[in-house]
Amino acid sequence: MRRTAPRRPPASRAPTPRGDRAGRARASARAGAAAVTAPVRILIVDDHAILRRGLGLLIAREPDLAVVAEAGTIAEALEAAEGLGPVGGLS
């Protein structure tokens, strides 16, 4: 008798881990999903520059998120947000 390898699903149907947003986005793009939406725009507010920079670097790795400004105080955040339009704040 011949042994055969177990069947694997086609690459387009390969499961992606739950935490892998980019993998899910690629999978839905391959499946013919709706057009890609604009990224969520984020304003980071914190008095520690190192924390702001670190959060910015982490957020930059996500394809559906974009840091549009950083601020060290609430006053700076309000000033920065005036010309940005709709943004999500992260403090």
PDB file of N, CA and C in Angstrom:
ATOM      1  N   MET A   1       0.812  -1.175   0.000  1.00  0.00           N
ATOM      2  CA  MET A   1       0.000   0.000   0.000  1.00  0.00           C
ATOM      3  C   MET A   1       0.865   1.251   0.000  1.00  0.00           C
ATOM      4  N   ARG A   2       0.401   2.277  -0.704  1.00  0.00           N
ATOM      5  CA  ARG A   2       1.152   3.522  -0.770  1.00  0.00           C
ATOM      6  C   ARG A   2       0.726   4.452   0.350  1.00  0.00           C
ATOM      7  N   ARG A   3       1.693   5.100   0.930  1.00  0.00           N
ATOM      8  CA  ARG A   3       1.389   6.105   1.940  1.00  0.00           C
ATOM      9  C   ARG A   3       1.309   7.465   1.251  1.00  0.00           C
ATOM     10  N   THR A   4       0.327   8.222   1.636  1.00  0.00           N
ATOM     11  CA  THR A   4       0.207   9.567   1.080  1.00  0.00           C
ATOM     12  C   THR A   4       0.288  10.589   2.206  1.00  0.00           C
ATOM     13  N   ALA A   5       0.783  11.728   1.852  1.00  0.00           N
ATOM     14  CA  ALA A   5       0.894  12.806   2.846  1.00  0.00           C
ATOM     15  C   ALA A   5      -0.501  13.337   3.171  1.00  0.00           C
ATOM     16  N   PRO A   6      -0.699  13.797   4.392  1.00  0.00           N
ATOM     17  CA  PRO A   6      -2.008  14.367   4.730  1.00  0.00           C
ATOM     18  C   PRO A   6      -2.280  15.598   3.858  1.00  0.00           C
ATOM     19  N   ARG A   7      -3.544  15.816   3.552  1.00  0.00           N
ATOM     20  CA  ARG A   7      -3.916  16.946   2.706  1.00  0.00           C
ATOM     21  C   ARG A   7      -3.844  18.239   3.508  1.00  0.00           C
ATOM     22  N   ARG A   8      -3.320  19.259   2.871  1.00  0.00           N
ATOM     23  CA  ARG A   8      -3.250  20.579   3.484  1.00  0.00           C
ATOM     24  C   ARG A   8      -4.213  21.492   2.745  1.00  0.00           C
ATOM     25  N   PRO A   9      -4.800  22.446   3.468  1.00  0.00           N
ATOM     26  CA  PRO A   9      -5.685  23.380   2.772  1.00  0.00           C
ATOM     27  C   PRO A   9      -4.870  24.255   1.825  1.00  0.00           C
ATOM     28  N   PRO A  10      -5.491  24.739   0.754  1.00  0.00           N
ATOM     29  CA  PRO A  10      -4.758  25.646  -0.152  1.00  0.00           C
ATOM     30  C   PRO A  10      -4.246  26.862   0.614  1.00  0.00           C
ATOM     31  N   ALA A  11      -3.203  27.483   0.091  1.00  0.00           N
ATOM     32  CA  ALA A  11      -2.580  28.623   0.777  1.00  0.00           C
ATOM     33  C   ALA A  11      -3.577  29.737   1.039  1.00  0.00           C
ATOM     34  N   SER A  12      -4.537  29.937   0.155  1.00  0.00           N
ATOM     35  CA  SER A  12      -5.488  31.030   0.351  1.00  0.00           C
ATOM     36  C   SER A  12      -6.446  30.754   1.497  1.00  0.00           C
ATOM     37  N   ARG A  13      -6.539  29.526   1.939  1.00  0.00           N
ATOM     38  CA  ARG A  13      -7.434  29.188   3.043  1.00  0.00           C
ATOM     39  C   ARG A  13      -6.687  28.801   4.309  1.00  0.00           C
ATOM     40  N   ALA A  14      -5.390  29.009   4.307  1.00  0.00           N
ATOM     41  CA  ALA A  14      -4.594  28.643   5.476  1.00  0.00           C
ATOM     42  C   ALA A  14      -5.043  29.466   6.675  1.00  0.00           C
ATOM     43  N   PRO A  15      -5.197  28.823   7.829  1.00  0.00           N
ATOM     44  CA  PRO A  15      -5.629  29.558   9.018  1.00  0.00           C
ATOM     45  C   PRO A  15      -4.567  30.551   9.460  1.00  0.00           C
ATOM     46  N   THR A  16      -5.010  31.675  10.010  1.00  0.00           N
ATOM     47  CA  THR A  16      -4.083  32.671  10.546  1.00  0.00           C
ATOM     48  C   THR A  16      -4.312  32.768  12.046  1.00  0.00           C
ATOM     49  N   PRO A  17      -3.259  33.078  12.799  1.00  0.00           N
ATOM     50  CA  PRO A  17      -3.429  33.228  14.240  1.00  0.00           C
ATOM     51  C   PRO A  17      -4.383  34.374  14.555  1.00  0.00           C
ATOM     52  N   ARG A  18      -5.099  34.286  15.677  1.00  0.00           N
ATOM     53  CA  ARG A  18      -6.076  35.305  16.049  1.00  0.00           C
ATOM     54  C   ARG A  18      -5.458  36.684  16.199  1.00  0.00           C
ATOM     55  N   GLY A  19      -4.249  36.778  16.705  1.00  0.00           N
ATOM     56  CA  GLY A  19      -3.630  38.074  16.940  1.00  0.00           C
ATOM     57  C   GLY A  19      -2.956  38.670  15.717  1.00  0.00           C
ATOM     58  N   ASP A  20      -2.981  37.993  14.593  1.00  0.00           N
ATOM     59  CA  ASP A  20      -2.273  38.446  13.396  1.00  0.00           C
ATOM     60  C   ASP A  20      -3.181  39.269  12.504  1.00  0.00           C
ATOM     61  N   ARG A  21      -3.259  40.587  12.767  1.00  0.00           N
ATOM     62  CA  ARG A  21      -4.133  41.460  11.986  1.00  0.00           C
ATOM     63  C   ARG A  21      -3.704  41.514  10.532  1.00  0.00           C
ATOM     64  N   ALA A  22      -2.405  41.591  10.301  1.00  0.00           N
ATOM     65  CA  ALA A  22      -1.921  41.677   8.923  1.00  0.00           C
ATOM     66  C   ALA A  22      -2.268  40.407   8.165  1.00  0.00           C
ATOM     67  N   GLY A  23      -2.132  39.255   8.819  1.00  0.00           N
ATOM     68  CA  GLY A  23      -2.472  37.980   8.174  1.00  0.00           C
ATOM     69  C   GLY A  23      -3.939  37.903   7.825  1.00  0.00           C
ATOM     70  N   ARG A  24      -4.792  38.392   8.733  1.00  0.00           N
ATOM     71  CA  ARG A  24      -6.228  38.397   8.443  1.00  0.00           C
ATOM     72  C   ARG A  24      -6.549  39.353   7.308  1.00  0.00           C
ATOM     73  N   ALA A  25      -5.872  40.509   7.275  1.00  0.00           N
ATOM     74  CA  ALA A  25      -6.122  41.479   6.211  1.00  0.00           C
ATOM     75  C   ALA A  25      -5.715  40.894   4.867  1.00  0.00           C
ATOM     76  N   ARG A  26      -4.567  40.210   4.829  1.00  0.00           N
ATOM     77  CA  ARG A  26      -4.139  39.581   3.576  1.00  0.00           C
ATOM     78  C   ARG A  26      -5.102  38.489   3.167  1.00  0.00           C
ATOM     79  N   ALA A  27      -5.564  37.709   4.139  1.00  0.00           N
ATOM     80  CA  ALA A  27      -6.494  36.626   3.835  1.00  0.00           C
ATOM     81  C   ALA A  27      -7.796  37.176   3.284  1.00  0.00           C
ATOM     82  N   SER A  28      -8.314  38.263   3.865  1.00  0.00           N
ATOM     83  CA  SER A  28      -9.555  38.789   3.338  1.00  0.00           C
ATOM     84  C   SER A  28      -9.355  39.463   2.000  1.00  0.00           C
ATOM     85  N   ALA A  29      -8.187  40.030   1.756  1.00  0.00           N
ATOM     86  CA  ALA A  29      -7.920  40.621   0.449  1.00  0.00           C
ATOM     87  C   ALA A  29      -7.887  39.537  -0.617  1.00  0.00           C
ATOM     88  N   ARG A  30      -7.293  38.394  -0.272  1.00  0.00           N
ATOM     89  CA  ARG A  30      -7.251  37.286  -1.228  1.00  0.00           C
ATOM     90  C   ARG A  30      -8.637  36.728  -1.471  1.00  0.00           C
ATOM     91  N   ALA A  31      -9.499  36.798  -0.486  1.00  0.00           N
ATOM     92  CA  ALA A  31     -10.841  36.240  -0.605  1.00  0.00           C
ATOM     93  C   ALA A  31     -11.780  37.185  -1.349  1.00  0.00           C
ATOM     94  N   GLY A  32     -11.276  38.338  -1.806  1.00  0.00           N
ATOM     95  CA  GLY A  32     -12.112  39.267  -2.553  1.00  0.00           C
ATOM     96  C   GLY A  32     -12.981  40.130  -1.660  1.00  0.00           C
ATOM     97  N   ALA A  33     -12.475  40.482  -0.493  1.00  0.00           N
ATOM     98  CA  ALA A  33     -13.240  41.306   0.441  1.00  0.00           C
ATOM     99  C   ALA A  33     -13.348  42.735  -0.083  1.00  0.00           C
ATOM    100  N   ALA A  34     -14.109  43.553   0.616  1.00  0.00           N
ATOM    101  CA  ALA A  34     -14.317  44.947   0.229  1.00  0.00           C
ATOM    102  C   ALA A  34     -12.993  45.700   0.237  1.00  0.00           C
ATOM    103  N   ALA A  35     -12.996  46.884  -0.347  1.00  0.00           N
ATOM    104  CA  ALA A  35     -11.793  47.709  -0.444  1.00  0.00           C
ATOM    105  C   ALA A  35     -11.217  47.988   0.937  1.00  0.00           C
ATOM    106  N   VAL A  36      -9.910  48.187   0.975  1.00  0.00           N
ATOM    107  CA  VAL A  36      -9.209  48.455   2.222  1.00  0.00           C
ATOM    108  C   VAL A  36      -9.629  49.832   2.747  1.00  0.00           C
ATOM    109  N   THR A  37      -9.890  49.911   4.046  1.00  0.00           N
ATOM    110  CA  THR A  37     -10.297  51.175   4.649  1.00  0.00           C
ATOM    111  C   THR A  37      -9.069  51.968   5.074  1.00  0.00           C
ATOM    112  N   ALA A  38      -9.269  53.244   5.305  1.00  0.00           N
ATOM    113  CA  ALA A  38      -8.178  54.110   5.758  1.00  0.00           C
ATOM    114  C   ALA A  38      -7.768  53.699   7.169  1.00  0.00           C
ATOM    115  N   PRO A  39      -6.491  53.868   7.513  1.00  0.00           N
ATOM    116  CA  PRO A  39      -6.049  53.496   8.856  1.00  0.00           C
ATOM    117  C   PRO A  39      -6.659  54.400   9.920  1.00  0.00           C
ATOM    118  N   VAL A  40      -6.756  53.883  11.129  1.00  0.00           N
ATOM    119  CA  VAL A  40      -7.218  54.662  12.276  1.00  0.00           C
ATOM    120  C   VAL A  40      -6.110  55.636  12.632  1.00  0.00           C
ATOM    121  N   ARG A  41      -6.452  56.911  12.727  1.00  0.00           N
ATOM    122  CA  ARG A  41      -5.475  57.970  13.009  1.00  0.00           C
ATOM    123  C   ARG A  41      -5.400  58.204  14.512  1.00  0.00           C
ATOM    124  N   ILE A  42      -4.179  58.196  15.059  1.00  0.00           N
ATOM    125  CA  ILE A  42      -3.991  58.255  16.509  1.00  0.00           C
ATOM    126  C   ILE A  42      -3.100  59.428  16.895  1.00  0.00           C
ATOM    127  N   LEU A  43      -3.506  60.120  17.957  1.00  0.00           N
ATOM    128  CA  LEU A  43      -2.715  61.178  18.579  1.00  0.00           C
ATOM    129  C   LEU A  43      -2.242  60.647  19.929  1.00  0.00           C
ATOM    130  N   ILE A  44      -0.933  60.523  20.116  1.00  0.00           N
ATOM    131  CA  ILE A  44      -0.375  60.004  21.372  1.00  0.00           C
ATOM    132  C   ILE A  44      -0.074  61.172  22.301  1.00  0.00           C
ATOM    133  N   VAL A  45      -0.590  61.103  23.531  1.00  0.00           N
ATOM    134  CA  VAL A  45      -0.370  62.157  24.522  1.00  0.00           C
ATOM    135  C   VAL A  45       0.209  61.523  25.785  1.00  0.00           C
ATOM    136  N   ASP A  46       1.420  61.930  26.142  1.00  0.00           N
ATOM    137  CA  ASP A  46       2.044  61.473  27.385  1.00  0.00           C
ATOM    138  C   ASP A  46       3.195  62.413  27.705  1.00  0.00           C
ATOM    139  N   ASP A  47       3.459  62.636  28.986  1.00  0.00           N
ATOM    140  CA  ASP A  47       4.528  63.547  29.357  1.00  0.00           C
ATOM    141  C   ASP A  47       5.918  62.911  29.279  1.00  0.00           C
ATOM    142  N   HIS A  48       6.003  61.639  29.022  1.00  0.00           N
ATOM    143  CA  HIS A  48       7.294  60.954  28.878  1.00  0.00           C
ATOM    144  C   HIS A  48       7.579  60.718  27.398  1.00  0.00           C
ATOM    145  N   ALA A  49       8.605  61.376  26.883  1.00  0.00           N
ATOM    146  CA  ALA A  49       8.942  61.277  25.459  1.00  0.00           C
ATOM    147  C   ALA A  49       9.299  59.841  25.049  1.00  0.00           C
ATOM    148  N   ILE A  50       9.975  59.126  25.940  1.00  0.00           N
ATOM    149  CA  ILE A  50      10.373  57.751  25.619  1.00  0.00           C
ATOM    150  C   ILE A  50       9.145  56.864  25.441  1.00  0.00           C
ATOM    151  N   LEU A  51       8.151  57.039  26.290  1.00  0.00           N
ATOM    152  CA  LEU A  51       6.921  56.264  26.171  1.00  0.00           C
ATOM    153  C   LEU A  51       6.191  56.609  24.872  1.00  0.00           C
ATOM    154  N   ARG A  52       6.116  57.904  24.558  1.00  0.00           N
ATOM    155  CA  ARG A  52       5.466  58.304  23.297  1.00  0.00           C
ATOM    156  C   ARG A  52       6.172  57.676  22.106  1.00  0.00           C
ATOM    157  N   ARG A  53       7.480  57.710  22.108  1.00  0.00           N
ATOM    158  CA  ARG A  53       8.268  57.143  20.997  1.00  0.00           C
ATOM    159  C   ARG A  53       8.051  55.637  20.891  1.00  0.00           C
ATOM    160  N   GLY A  54       8.080  54.946  22.025  1.00  0.00           N
ATOM    161  CA  GLY A  54       7.877  53.497  22.018  1.00  0.00           C
ATOM    162  C   GLY A  54       6.498  53.105  21.520  1.00  0.00           C
ATOM    163  N   LEU A  55       5.468  53.809  21.994  1.00  0.00           N
ATOM    164  CA  LEU A  55       4.112  53.527  21.511  1.00  0.00           C
ATOM    165  C   LEU A  55       3.998  53.808  20.020  1.00  0.00           C
ATOM    166  N   GLY A  56       4.636  54.898  19.595  1.00  0.00           N
ATOM    167  CA  GLY A  56       4.609  55.241  18.172  1.00  0.00           C
ATOM    168  C   GLY A  56       5.236  54.146  17.317  1.00  0.00           C
ATOM    169  N   LEU A  57       6.345  53.592  17.782  1.00  0.00           N
ATOM    170  CA  LEU A  57       7.007  52.514  17.041  1.00  0.00           C
ATOM    171  C   LEU A  57       6.146  51.251  16.990  1.00  0.00           C
ATOM    172  N   LEU A  58       5.497  50.925  18.100  1.00  0.00           N
ATOM    173  CA  LEU A  58       4.611  49.757  18.118  1.00  0.00           C
ATOM    174  C   LEU A  58       3.413  49.947  17.195  1.00  0.00           C
ATOM    175  N   ILE A  59       2.821  51.116  17.251  1.00  0.00           N
ATOM    176  CA  ILE A  59       1.644  51.394  16.426  1.00  0.00           C
ATOM    177  C   ILE A  59       2.017  51.416  14.946  1.00  0.00           C
ATOM    178  N   ALA A  60       3.206  51.911  14.623  1.00  0.00           N
ATOM    179  CA  ALA A  60       3.649  51.988  13.231  1.00  0.00           C
ATOM    180  C   ALA A  60       3.747  50.602  12.586  1.00  0.00           C
ATOM    181  N   ARG A  61       3.884  49.570  13.371  1.00  0.00           N
ATOM    182  CA  ARG A  61       3.980  48.208  12.841  1.00  0.00           C
ATOM    183  C   ARG A  61       2.631  47.654  12.392  1.00  0.00           C
ATOM    184  N   GLU A  62       1.558  48.305  12.806  1.00  0.00           N
ATOM    185  CA  GLU A  62       0.216  47.845  12.466  1.00  0.00           C
ATOM    186  C   GLU A  62      -0.267  48.535  11.187  1.00  0.00           C
ATOM    187  N   PRO A  63      -0.661  47.783  10.174  1.00  0.00           N
ATOM    188  CA  PRO A  63      -1.051  48.391   8.906  1.00  0.00           C
ATOM    189  C   PRO A  63      -2.345  49.193   8.978  1.00  0.00           C
ATOM    190  N   ASP A  64      -3.186  48.926   9.951  1.00  0.00           N
ATOM    191  CA  ASP A  64      -4.470  49.625  10.027  1.00  0.00           C
ATOM    192  C   ASP A  64      -4.468  50.765  11.049  1.00  0.00           C
ATOM    193  N   LEU A  65      -3.281  51.147  11.550  1.00  0.00           N
ATOM    194  CA  LEU A  65      -3.151  52.247  12.496  1.00  0.00           C
ATOM    195  C   LEU A  65      -2.088  53.226  12.006  1.00  0.00           C
ATOM    196  N   ALA A  66      -2.279  54.527  12.308  1.00  0.00           N
ATOM    197  CA  ALA A  66      -1.293  55.540  11.918  1.00  0.00           C
ATOM    198  C   ALA A  66      -1.209  56.607  12.999  1.00  0.00           C
ATOM    199  N   VAL A  67       0.006  56.879  13.473  1.00  0.00           N
ATOM    200  CA  VAL A  67       0.224  57.957  14.431  1.00  0.00           C
ATOM    201  C   VAL A  67       0.341  59.248  13.618  1.00  0.00           C
ATOM    202  N   VAL A  68      -0.559  60.205  13.874  1.00  0.00           N
ATOM    203  CA  VAL A  68      -0.544  61.460  13.124  1.00  0.00           C
ATOM    204  C   VAL A  68       0.107  62.594  13.905  1.00  0.00           C
ATOM    205  N   ALA A  69       0.205  62.454  15.225  1.00  0.00           N
ATOM    206  CA  ALA A  69       0.861  63.481  16.038  1.00  0.00           C
ATOM    207  C   ALA A  69       1.153  62.928  17.427  1.00  0.00           C
ATOM    208  N   GLU A  70       2.106  63.594  18.096  1.00  0.00           N
ATOM    209  CA  GLU A  70       2.441  63.281  19.481  1.00  0.00           C
ATOM    210  C   GLU A  70       2.439  64.583  20.261  1.00  0.00           C
ATOM    211  N   ALA A  71       2.079  64.512  21.539  1.00  0.00           N
ATOM    212  CA  ALA A  71       2.071  65.703  22.386  1.00  0.00           C
ATOM    213  C   ALA A  71       2.484  65.321  23.801  1.00  0.00           C
ATOM    214  N   GLY A  72       3.126  66.271  24.487  1.00  0.00           N
ATOM    215  CA  GLY A  72       3.583  66.041  25.848  1.00  0.00           C
ATOM    216  C   GLY A  72       2.617  66.537  26.905  1.00  0.00           C
ATOM    217  N   THR A  73       1.696  67.425  26.522  1.00  0.00           N
ATOM    218  CA  THR A  73       0.708  67.957  27.470  1.00  0.00           C
ATOM    219  C   THR A  73      -0.661  68.008  26.798  1.00  0.00           C
ATOM    220  N   ILE A  74      -1.685  68.207  27.611  1.00  0.00           N
ATOM    221  CA  ILE A  74      -3.043  68.327  27.067  1.00  0.00           C
ATOM    222  C   ILE A  74      -3.140  69.561  26.169  1.00  0.00           C
ATOM    223  N   ALA A  75      -2.513  70.651  26.570  1.00  0.00           N
ATOM    224  CA  ALA A  75      -2.540  71.876  25.760  1.00  0.00           C
ATOM    225  C   ALA A  75      -1.923  71.621  24.382  1.00  0.00           C
ATOM    226  N   GLU A  76      -0.776  70.933  24.361  1.00  0.00           N
ATOM    227  CA  GLU A  76      -0.141  70.593  23.083  1.00  0.00           C
ATOM    228  C   GLU A  76      -1.037  69.675  22.256  1.00  0.00           C
ATOM    229  N   ALA A  77      -1.703  68.740  22.919  1.00  0.00           N
ATOM    230  CA  ALA A  77      -2.583  67.806  22.220  1.00  0.00           C
ATOM    231  C   ALA A  77      -3.759  68.529  21.575  1.00  0.00           C
ATOM    232  N   LEU A  78      -4.357  69.465  22.306  1.00  0.00           N
ATOM    233  CA  LEU A  78      -5.475  70.230  21.759  1.00  0.00           C
ATOM    234  C   LEU A  78      -5.033  71.070  20.571  1.00  0.00           C
ATOM    235  N   GLU A  79      -3.855  71.666  20.686  1.00  0.00           N
ATOM    236  CA  GLU A  79      -3.319  72.473  19.591  1.00  0.00           C
ATOM    237  C   GLU A  79      -3.040  71.605  18.363  1.00  0.00           C
ATOM    238  N   ALA A  80      -2.441  70.437  18.589  1.00  0.00           N
ATOM    239  CA  ALA A  80      -2.134  69.534  17.478  1.00  0.00           C
ATOM    240  C   ALA A  80      -3.393  68.983  16.827  1.00  0.00           C
ATOM    241  N   ALA A  81      -4.425  68.725  17.638  1.00  0.00           N
ATOM    242  CA  ALA A  81      -5.650  68.105  17.126  1.00  0.00           C
ATOM    243  C   ALA A  81      -6.506  69.067  16.312  1.00  0.00           C
ATOM    244  N   GLU A  82      -6.303  70.370  16.474  1.00  0.00           N
ATOM    245  CA  GLU A  82      -7.132  71.342  15.766  1.00  0.00           C
ATOM    246  C   GLU A  82      -7.140  71.140  14.259  1.00  0.00           C
ATOM    247  N   GLY A  83      -5.996  70.932  13.676  1.00  0.00           N
ATOM    248  CA  GLY A  83      -5.918  70.809  12.226  1.00  0.00           C
ATOM    249  C   GLY A  83      -5.925  69.388  11.700  1.00  0.00           C
ATOM    250  N   LEU A  84      -6.081  68.419  12.562  1.00  0.00           N
ATOM    251  CA  LEU A  84      -5.963  67.024  12.125  1.00  0.00           C
ATOM    252  C   LEU A  84      -7.281  66.383  11.686  1.00  0.00           C
ATOM    253  N   GLY A  85      -8.389  66.940  12.053  1.00  0.00           N
ATOM    254  CA  GLY A  85      -9.657  66.275  11.775  1.00  0.00           C
ATOM    255  C   GLY A  85      -9.883  65.185  12.808  1.00  0.00           C
ATOM    256  N   PRO A  86     -10.704  64.190  12.484  1.00  0.00           N
ATOM    257  CA  PRO A  86     -11.001  63.134  13.466  1.00  0.00           C
ATOM    258  C   PRO A  86      -9.772  62.267  13.770  1.00  0.00           C
ATOM    259  N   VAL A  87      -9.465  62.152  15.050  1.00  0.00           N
ATOM    260  CA  VAL A  87      -8.374  61.277  15.502  1.00  0.00           C
ATOM    261  C   VAL A  87      -8.786  60.592  16.793  1.00  0.00           C
ATOM    262  N   GLY A  88      -8.147  59.486  17.091  1.00  0.00           N
ATOM    263  CA  GLY A  88      -8.316  58.806  18.377  1.00  0.00           C
ATOM    264  C   GLY A  88      -7.172  59.224  19.264  1.00  0.00           C
ATOM    265  N   GLY A  89      -7.454  59.506  20.516  1.00  0.00           N
ATOM    266  CA  GLY A  89      -6.406  59.915  21.447  1.00  0.00           C
ATOM    267  C   GLY A  89      -5.907  58.741  22.263  1.00  0.00           C
ATOM    268  N   LEU A  90      -4.637  58.723  22.546  1.00  0.00           N
ATOM    269  CA  LEU A  90      -4.038  57.676  23.373  1.00  0.00           C
ATOM    270  C   LEU A  90      -3.164  58.365  24.394  1.00  0.00           C
ATOM    271  N   SER A  91      -3.519  58.206  25.678  1.00  0.00           N
ATOM    272  CA  SER A  91      -2.774  58.874  26.730  1.00  0.00           C
ATOM    273  C   SER A  91      -2.205  57.851  27.694  1.00  0.00           C
TER     274      SER A  91
END
